[in-house]
Amino acid sequence: MRCKFEVTSLTRYAGIPSVKVELHPAMGQDEEDRKFWKITPTGKIELMIDDSNNVNYFEVGKEYYLDFSEVENVR
């Protein structure tokens, strides 16, 4: 399953290279957004990123794809 989420907030912490990223389902007007919104109208993903190489990857207002696939034979 592929979803598109928009970054709605970034919280940075003084003195440590971490950022909290909050994302919500994209609500744009294109066909892709309308299709996803019809199936999953609400949701929230919150990430804490501690890797100093990636704390600046996300930007508020930008949209990102998330791909979900089942992990098989984990154990």
PDB file of N, CA and C in Angstrom:
ATOM      1  N   MET A   1       0.847  -1.162   0.000  1.00  0.00           N
ATOM      2  CA  MET A   1       0.000   0.000   0.000  1.00  0.00           C
ATOM      3  C   MET A   1       0.900   1.236   0.000  1.00  0.00           C
ATOM      4  N   ARG A   2       0.559   2.184  -0.832  1.00  0.00           N
ATOM      5  CA  ARG A   2       1.309   3.436  -0.897  1.00  0.00           C
ATOM      6  C   ARG A   2       0.403   4.573  -0.456  1.00  0.00           C
ATOM      7  N   CYS A   3       0.936   5.414   0.409  1.00  0.00           N
ATOM      8  CA  CYS A   3       0.189   6.559   0.933  1.00  0.00           C
ATOM      9  C   CYS A   3       1.029   7.818   0.738  1.00  0.00           C
ATOM     10  N   LYS A   4       0.338   8.949   0.725  1.00  0.00           N
ATOM     11  CA  LYS A   4       1.046  10.217   0.622  1.00  0.00           C
ATOM     12  C   LYS A   4       0.696  11.057   1.841  1.00  0.00           C
ATOM     13  N   PHE A   5       1.718  11.478   2.577  1.00  0.00           N
ATOM     14  CA  PHE A   5       1.533  12.273   3.776  1.00  0.00           C
ATOM     15  C   PHE A   5       2.242  13.611   3.637  1.00  0.00           C
ATOM     16  N   GLU A   6       1.702  14.613   4.312  1.00  0.00           N
ATOM     17  CA  GLU A   6       2.294  15.942   4.321  1.00  0.00           C
ATOM     18  C   GLU A   6       2.882  16.219   5.698  1.00  0.00           C
ATOM     19  N   VAL A   7       4.062  16.809   5.719  1.00  0.00           N
ATOM     20  CA  VAL A   7       4.671  17.200   6.988  1.00  0.00           C
ATOM     21  C   VAL A   7       3.938  18.445   7.490  1.00  0.00           C
ATOM     22  N   THR A   8       3.360  18.328   8.695  1.00  0.00           N
ATOM     23  CA  THR A   8       2.603  19.438   9.261  1.00  0.00           C
ATOM     24  C   THR A   8       3.361  20.170  10.356  1.00  0.00           C
ATOM     25  N   SER A   9       4.353  19.519  10.957  1.00  0.00           N
ATOM     26  CA  SER A   9       5.166  20.232  11.943  1.00  0.00           C
ATOM     27  C   SER A   9       6.494  19.535  12.163  1.00  0.00           C
ATOM     28  N   LEU A  10       7.474  20.339  12.538  1.00  0.00           N
ATOM     29  CA  LEU A  10       8.799  19.861  12.933  1.00  0.00           C
ATOM     30  C   LEU A  10       9.101  20.490  14.286  1.00  0.00           C
ATOM     31  N   THR A  11       9.556  19.679  15.210  1.00  0.00           N
ATOM     32  CA  THR A  11       9.941  20.190  16.523  1.00  0.00           C
ATOM     33  C   THR A  11      11.412  19.878  16.724  1.00  0.00           C
ATOM     34  N   ARG A  12      12.205  20.908  16.897  1.00  0.00           N
ATOM     35  CA  ARG A  12      13.640  20.740  17.115  1.00  0.00           C
ATOM     36  C   ARG A  12      13.935  20.948  18.600  1.00  0.00           C
ATOM     37  N   TYR A  13      14.967  20.291  19.068  1.00  0.00           N
ATOM     38  CA  TYR A  13      15.312  20.337  20.479  1.00  0.00           C
ATOM     39  C   TYR A  13      16.688  20.957  20.652  1.00  0.00           C
ATOM     40  N   ALA A  14      16.770  21.954  21.518  1.00  0.00           N
ATOM     41  CA  ALA A  14      18.028  22.666  21.752  1.00  0.00           C
ATOM     42  C   ALA A  14      19.079  21.731  22.341  1.00  0.00           C
ATOM     43  N   GLY A  15      20.261  21.812  21.789  1.00  0.00           N
ATOM     44  CA  GLY A  15      21.381  21.073  22.338  1.00  0.00           C
ATOM     45  C   GLY A  15      21.513  19.636  21.874  1.00  0.00           C
ATOM     46  N   ILE A  16      20.522  19.107  21.166  1.00  0.00           N
ATOM     47  CA  ILE A  16      20.636  17.738  20.653  1.00  0.00           C
ATOM     48  C   ILE A  16      20.224  17.718  19.182  1.00  0.00           C
ATOM     49  N   PRO A  17      20.884  16.885  18.379  1.00  0.00           N
ATOM     50  CA  PRO A  17      20.561  16.824  16.940  1.00  0.00           C
ATOM     51  C   PRO A  17      19.362  15.915  16.670  1.00  0.00           C
ATOM     52  N   SER A  18      18.209  16.297  17.184  1.00  0.00           N
ATOM     53  CA  SER A  18      16.990  15.507  16.992  1.00  0.00           C
ATOM     54  C   SER A  18      15.881  16.390  16.464  1.00  0.00           C
ATOM     55  N   VAL A  19      14.940  15.762  15.772  1.00  0.00           N
ATOM     56  CA  VAL A  19      13.761  16.481  15.303  1.00  0.00           C
ATOM     57  C   VAL A  19      12.566  15.533  15.377  1.00  0.00           C
ATOM     58  N   LYS A  20      11.433  16.065  15.846  1.00  0.00           N
ATOM     59  CA  LYS A  20      10.187  15.304  15.829  1.00  0.00           C
ATOM     60  C   LYS A  20       9.408  15.756  14.606  1.00  0.00           C
ATOM     61  N   VAL A  21       9.010  14.797  13.775  1.00  0.00           N
ATOM     62  CA  VAL A  21       8.299  15.071  12.528  1.00  0.00           C
ATOM     63  C   VAL A  21       6.872  14.569  12.669  1.00  0.00           C
ATOM     64  N   GLU A  22       5.901  15.430  12.370  1.00  0.00           N
ATOM     65  CA  GLU A  22       4.489  15.032  12.392  1.00  0.00           C
ATOM     66  C   GLU A  22       3.941  15.127  10.978  1.00  0.00           C
ATOM     67  N   LEU A  23       3.298  14.032  10.537  1.00  0.00           N
ATOM     68  CA  LEU A  23       2.747  13.968   9.183  1.00  0.00           C
ATOM     69  C   LEU A  23       1.276  13.590   9.245  1.00  0.00           C
ATOM     70  N   HIS A  24       0.498  14.135   8.320  1.00  0.00           N
ATOM     71  CA  HIS A  24      -0.920  13.813   8.176  1.00  0.00           C
ATOM     72  C   HIS A  24      -1.198  13.474   6.708  1.00  0.00           C
ATOM     73  N   PRO A  25      -2.269  12.708   6.436  1.00  0.00           N
ATOM     74  CA  PRO A  25      -2.585  12.359   5.049  1.00  0.00           C
ATOM     75  C   PRO A  25      -2.687  13.602   4.163  1.00  0.00           C
ATOM     76  N   ALA A  26      -2.133  13.505   2.964  1.00  0.00           N
ATOM     77  CA  ALA A  26      -2.192  14.614   2.009  1.00  0.00           C
ATOM     78  C   ALA A  26      -3.639  14.882   1.623  1.00  0.00           C
ATOM     79  N   MET A  27      -4.002  16.161   1.574  1.00  0.00           N
ATOM     80  CA  MET A  27      -5.384  16.537   1.252  1.00  0.00           C
ATOM     81  C   MET A  27      -5.454  17.384  -0.006  1.00  0.00           C
ATOM     82  N   GLY A  28      -4.526  17.177  -0.918  1.00  0.00           N
ATOM     83  CA  GLY A  28      -4.512  17.956  -2.150  1.00  0.00           C
ATOM     84  C   GLY A  28      -5.719  17.655  -3.030  1.00  0.00           C
ATOM     85  N   GLN A  29      -5.773  18.310  -4.142  1.00  0.00           N
ATOM     86  CA  GLN A  29      -6.914  18.176  -5.043  1.00  0.00           C
ATOM     87  C   GLN A  29      -6.645  17.272  -6.237  1.00  0.00           C
ATOM     88  N   ASP A  30      -5.471  16.643  -6.300  1.00  0.00           N
ATOM     89  CA  ASP A  30      -5.236  15.775  -7.444  1.00  0.00           C
ATOM     90  C   ASP A  30      -5.919  14.419  -7.229  1.00  0.00           C
ATOM     91  N   GLU A  31      -6.024  13.653  -8.272  1.00  0.00           N
ATOM     92  CA  GLU A  31      -6.744  12.373  -8.241  1.00  0.00           C
ATOM     93  C   GLU A  31      -6.142  11.410  -7.218  1.00  0.00           C
ATOM     94  N   GLU A  32      -4.841  11.375  -7.139  1.00  0.00           N
ATOM     95  CA  GLU A  32      -4.163  10.490  -6.189  1.00  0.00           C
ATOM     96  C   GLU A  32      -4.561  10.814  -4.743  1.00  0.00           C
ATOM     97  N   ASP A  33      -4.564  12.098  -4.391  1.00  0.00           N
ATOM     98  CA  ASP A  33      -4.937  12.501  -3.036  1.00  0.00           C
ATOM     99  C   ASP A  33      -6.395  12.192  -2.745  1.00  0.00           C
ATOM    100  N   ARG A  34      -7.281  12.459  -3.690  1.00  0.00           N
ATOM    101  CA  ARG A  34      -8.723  12.195  -3.479  1.00  0.00           C
ATOM    102  C   ARG A  34      -8.977  10.707  -3.267  1.00  0.00           C
ATOM    103  N   LYS A  35      -8.284   9.862  -4.020  1.00  0.00           N
ATOM    104  CA  LYS A  35      -8.451   8.416  -3.885  1.00  0.00           C
ATOM    105  C   LYS A  35      -8.030   7.957  -2.486  1.00  0.00           C
ATOM    106  N   PHE A  36      -6.880   8.399  -2.036  1.00  0.00           N
ATOM    107  CA  PHE A  36      -6.393   8.006  -0.725  1.00  0.00           C
ATOM    108  C   PHE A  36      -7.285   8.575   0.373  1.00  0.00           C
ATOM    109  N   TRP A  37      -7.679   9.836   0.241  1.00  0.00           N
ATOM    110  CA  TRP A  37      -8.505  10.500   1.259  1.00  0.00           C
ATOM    111  C   TRP A  37      -9.840   9.778   1.426  1.00  0.00           C
ATOM    112  N   LYS A  38     -10.383   9.261   0.354  1.00  0.00           N
ATOM    113  CA  LYS A  38     -11.658   8.538   0.419  1.00  0.00           C
ATOM    114  C   LYS A  38     -11.524   7.275   1.270  1.00  0.00           C
ATOM    115  N   ILE A  39     -10.381   6.611   1.209  1.00  0.00           N
ATOM    116  CA  ILE A  39     -10.161   5.365   1.937  1.00  0.00           C
ATOM    117  C   ILE A  39      -9.688   5.627   3.364  1.00  0.00           C
ATOM    118  N   THR A  40      -8.809   6.576   3.546  1.00  0.00           N
ATOM    119  CA  THR A  40      -8.226   6.868   4.853  1.00  0.00           C
ATOM    120  C   THR A  40      -8.271   8.371   5.104  1.00  0.00           C
ATOM    121  N   PRO A  41      -9.406   8.884   5.573  1.00  0.00           N
ATOM    122  CA  PRO A  41      -9.559  10.329   5.719  1.00  0.00           C
ATOM    123  C   PRO A  41      -8.797  10.954   6.884  1.00  0.00           C
ATOM    124  N   THR A  42      -8.370  10.166   7.850  1.00  0.00           N
ATOM    125  CA  THR A  42      -7.634  10.738   8.970  1.00  0.00           C
ATOM    126  C   THR A  42      -6.452   9.846   9.317  1.00  0.00           C
ATOM    127  N   GLY A  43      -5.533  10.409  10.031  1.00  0.00           N
ATOM    128  CA  GLY A  43      -4.381   9.649  10.472  1.00  0.00           C
ATOM    129  C   GLY A  43      -3.278  10.590  10.892  1.00  0.00           C
ATOM    130  N   LYS A  44      -2.274  10.029  11.518  1.00  0.00           N
ATOM    131  CA  LYS A  44      -1.147  10.833  11.964  1.00  0.00           C
ATOM    132  C   LYS A  44       0.051   9.902  12.137  1.00  0.00           C
ATOM    133  N   ILE A  45       1.191  10.350  11.671  1.00  0.00           N
ATOM    134  CA  ILE A  45       2.428   9.630  11.873  1.00  0.00           C
ATOM    135  C   ILE A  45       3.383  10.597  12.562  1.00  0.00           C
ATOM    136  N   GLU A  46       4.025  10.112  13.603  1.00  0.00           N
ATOM    137  CA  GLU A  46       4.973  10.926  14.341  1.00  0.00           C
ATOM    138  C   GLU A  46       6.291  10.168  14.413  1.00  0.00           C
ATOM    139  N   LEU A  47       7.360  10.823  14.005  1.00  0.00           N
ATOM    140  CA  LEU A  47       8.684  10.212  13.985  1.00  0.00           C
ATOM    141  C   LEU A  47       9.653  11.051  14.802  1.00  0.00           C
ATOM    142  N   MET A  48      10.563  10.403  15.479  1.00  0.00           N
ATOM    143  CA  MET A  48      11.662  11.098  16.141  1.00  0.00           C
ATOM    144  C   MET A  48      12.922  10.673  15.412  1.00  0.00           C
ATOM    145  N   ILE A  49      13.611  11.633  14.845  1.00  0.00           N
ATOM    146  CA  ILE A  49      14.813  11.344  14.068  1.00  0.00           C
ATOM    147  C   ILE A  49      16.020  11.878  14.834  1.00  0.00           C
ATOM    148  N   ASP A  50      16.930  10.983  15.162  1.00  0.00           N
ATOM    149  CA  ASP A  50      18.127  11.343  15.922  1.00  0.00           C
ATOM    150  C   ASP A  50      19.387  11.359  15.060  1.00  0.00           C
ATOM    151  N   ASP A  51      19.311  10.846  13.865  1.00  0.00           N
ATOM    152  CA  ASP A  51      20.471  10.756  12.981  1.00  0.00           C
ATOM    153  C   ASP A  51      20.801  12.147  12.429  1.00  0.00           C
ATOM    154  N   SER A  52      21.954  12.672  12.782  1.00  0.00           N
ATOM    155  CA  SER A  52      22.308  14.034  12.367  1.00  0.00           C
ATOM    156  C   SER A  52      22.380  14.186  10.855  1.00  0.00           C
ATOM    157  N   ASN A  53      22.537  13.090  10.121  1.00  0.00           N
ATOM    158  CA  ASN A  53      22.564  13.165   8.654  1.00  0.00           C
ATOM    159  C   ASN A  53      21.172  13.336   8.055  1.00  0.00           C
ATOM    160  N   ASN A  54      20.125  13.060   8.841  1.00  0.00           N
ATOM    161  CA  ASN A  54      18.766  13.093   8.300  1.00  0.00           C
ATOM    162  C   ASN A  54      17.815  14.057   9.003  1.00  0.00           C
ATOM    163  N   VAL A  55      18.272  14.798   9.990  1.00  0.00           N
ATOM    164  CA  VAL A  55      17.352  15.680  10.714  1.00  0.00           C
ATOM    165  C   VAL A  55      16.801  16.802   9.835  1.00  0.00           C
ATOM    166  N   ASN A  56      17.459  17.107   8.740  1.00  0.00           N
ATOM    167  CA  ASN A  56      16.989  18.170   7.848  1.00  0.00           C
ATOM    168  C   ASN A  56      16.320  17.636   6.586  1.00  0.00           C
ATOM    169  N   TYR A  57      16.030  16.337   6.548  1.00  0.00           N
ATOM    170  CA  TYR A  57      15.433  15.725   5.363  1.00  0.00           C
ATOM    171  C   TYR A  57      14.016  16.236   5.109  1.00  0.00           C
ATOM    172  N   PHE A  58      13.199  16.327   6.166  1.00  0.00           N
ATOM    173  CA  PHE A  58      11.790  16.709   6.026  1.00  0.00           C
ATOM    174  C   PHE A  58      11.612  18.216   6.091  1.00  0.00           C
ATOM    175  N   GLU A  59      10.598  18.708   5.363  1.00  0.00           N
ATOM    176  CA  GLU A  59      10.261  20.131   5.376  1.00  0.00           C
ATOM    177  C   GLU A  59       8.764  20.283   5.542  1.00  0.00           C
ATOM    178  N   VAL A  60       8.355  21.222   6.390  1.00  0.00           N
ATOM    179  CA  VAL A  60       6.934  21.489   6.598  1.00  0.00           C
ATOM    180  C   VAL A  60       6.301  21.898   5.277  1.00  0.00           C
ATOM    181  N   GLY A  61       5.125  21.311   4.996  1.00  0.00           N
ATOM    182  CA  GLY A  61       4.387  21.633   3.784  1.00  0.00           C
ATOM    183  C   GLY A  61       4.704  20.725   2.605  1.00  0.00           C
ATOM    184  N   LYS A  62       5.783  19.992   2.675  1.00  0.00           N
ATOM    185  CA  LYS A  62       6.122  19.071   1.592  1.00  0.00           C
ATOM    186  C   LYS A  62       5.443  17.730   1.831  1.00  0.00           C
ATOM    187  N   GLU A  63       5.195  17.008   0.723  1.00  0.00           N
ATOM    188  CA  GLU A  63       4.537  15.708   0.795  1.00  0.00           C
ATOM    189  C   GLU A  63       5.550  14.601   0.510  1.00  0.00           C
ATOM    190  N   TYR A  64       5.333  13.459   1.168  1.00  0.00           N
ATOM    191  CA  TYR A  64       6.230  12.314   1.041  1.00  0.00           C
ATOM    192  C   TYR A  64       5.406  11.045   0.910  1.00  0.00           C
ATOM    193  N   TYR A  65       5.889  10.122   0.102  1.00  0.00           N
ATOM    194  CA  TYR A  65       5.247   8.819  -0.017  1.00  0.00           C
ATOM    195  C   TYR A  65       5.706   7.910   1.117  1.00  0.00           C
ATOM    196  N   LEU A  66       4.781   7.098   1.589  1.00  0.00           N
ATOM    197  CA  LEU A  66       5.088   6.036   2.543  1.00  0.00           C
ATOM    198  C   LEU A  66       4.604   4.742   1.935  1.00  0.00           C
ATOM    199  N   ASP A  67       5.475   3.772   1.882  1.00  0.00           N
ATOM    200  CA  ASP A  67       5.121   2.470   1.331  1.00  0.00           C
ATOM    201  C   ASP A  67       5.074   1.450   2.466  1.00  0.00           C
ATOM    202  N   PHE A  68       3.939   0.771   2.572  1.00  0.00           N
ATOM    203  CA  PHE A  68       3.758  -0.254   3.590  1.00  0.00           C
ATOM    204  C   PHE A  68       3.720  -1.618   2.927  1.00  0.00           C
ATOM    205  N   SER A  69       4.554  -2.493   3.399  1.00  0.00           N
ATOM    206  CA  SER A  69       4.506  -3.880   2.939  1.00  0.00           C
ATOM    207  C   SER A  69       4.775  -4.789   4.143  1.00  0.00           C
ATOM    208  N   GLU A  70       4.105  -5.899   4.146  1.00  0.00           N
ATOM    209  CA  GLU A  70       4.215  -6.832   5.266  1.00  0.00           C
ATOM    210  C   GLU A  70       5.595  -7.473   5.318  1.00  0.00           C
ATOM    211  N   VAL A  71       6.113  -7.584   6.508  1.00  0.00           N
ATOM    212  CA  VAL A  71       7.390  -8.273   6.724  1.00  0.00           C
ATOM    213  C   VAL A  71       7.053  -9.749   6.958  1.00  0.00           C
ATOM    214  N   GLU A  72       7.604 -10.595   6.136  1.00  0.00           N
ATOM    215  CA  GLU A  72       7.323 -12.028   6.261  1.00  0.00           C
ATOM    216  C   GLU A  72       8.531 -12.752   6.840  1.00  0.00           C
ATOM    217  N   ASN A  73       8.272 -13.833   7.545  1.00  0.00           N
ATOM    218  CA  ASN A  73       9.324 -14.689   8.092  1.00  0.00           C
ATOM    219  C   ASN A  73      10.314 -13.911   8.956  1.00  0.00           C
ATOM    220  N   VAL A  74       9.793 -13.113   9.852  1.00  0.00           N
ATOM    221  CA  VAL A  74      10.636 -12.306  10.714  1.00  0.00           C
ATOM    222  C   VAL A  74      11.402 -13.172  11.710  1.00  0.00           C
ATOM    223  N   ARG A  75      10.783 -14.208  12.202  1.00  0.00           N
ATOM    224  CA  ARG A  75      11.416 -15.009  13.273  1.00  0.00           C
ATOM    225  C   ARG A  75      12.030 -16.249  12.723  1.00  0.00           C
TER     226      ARG A  75
END
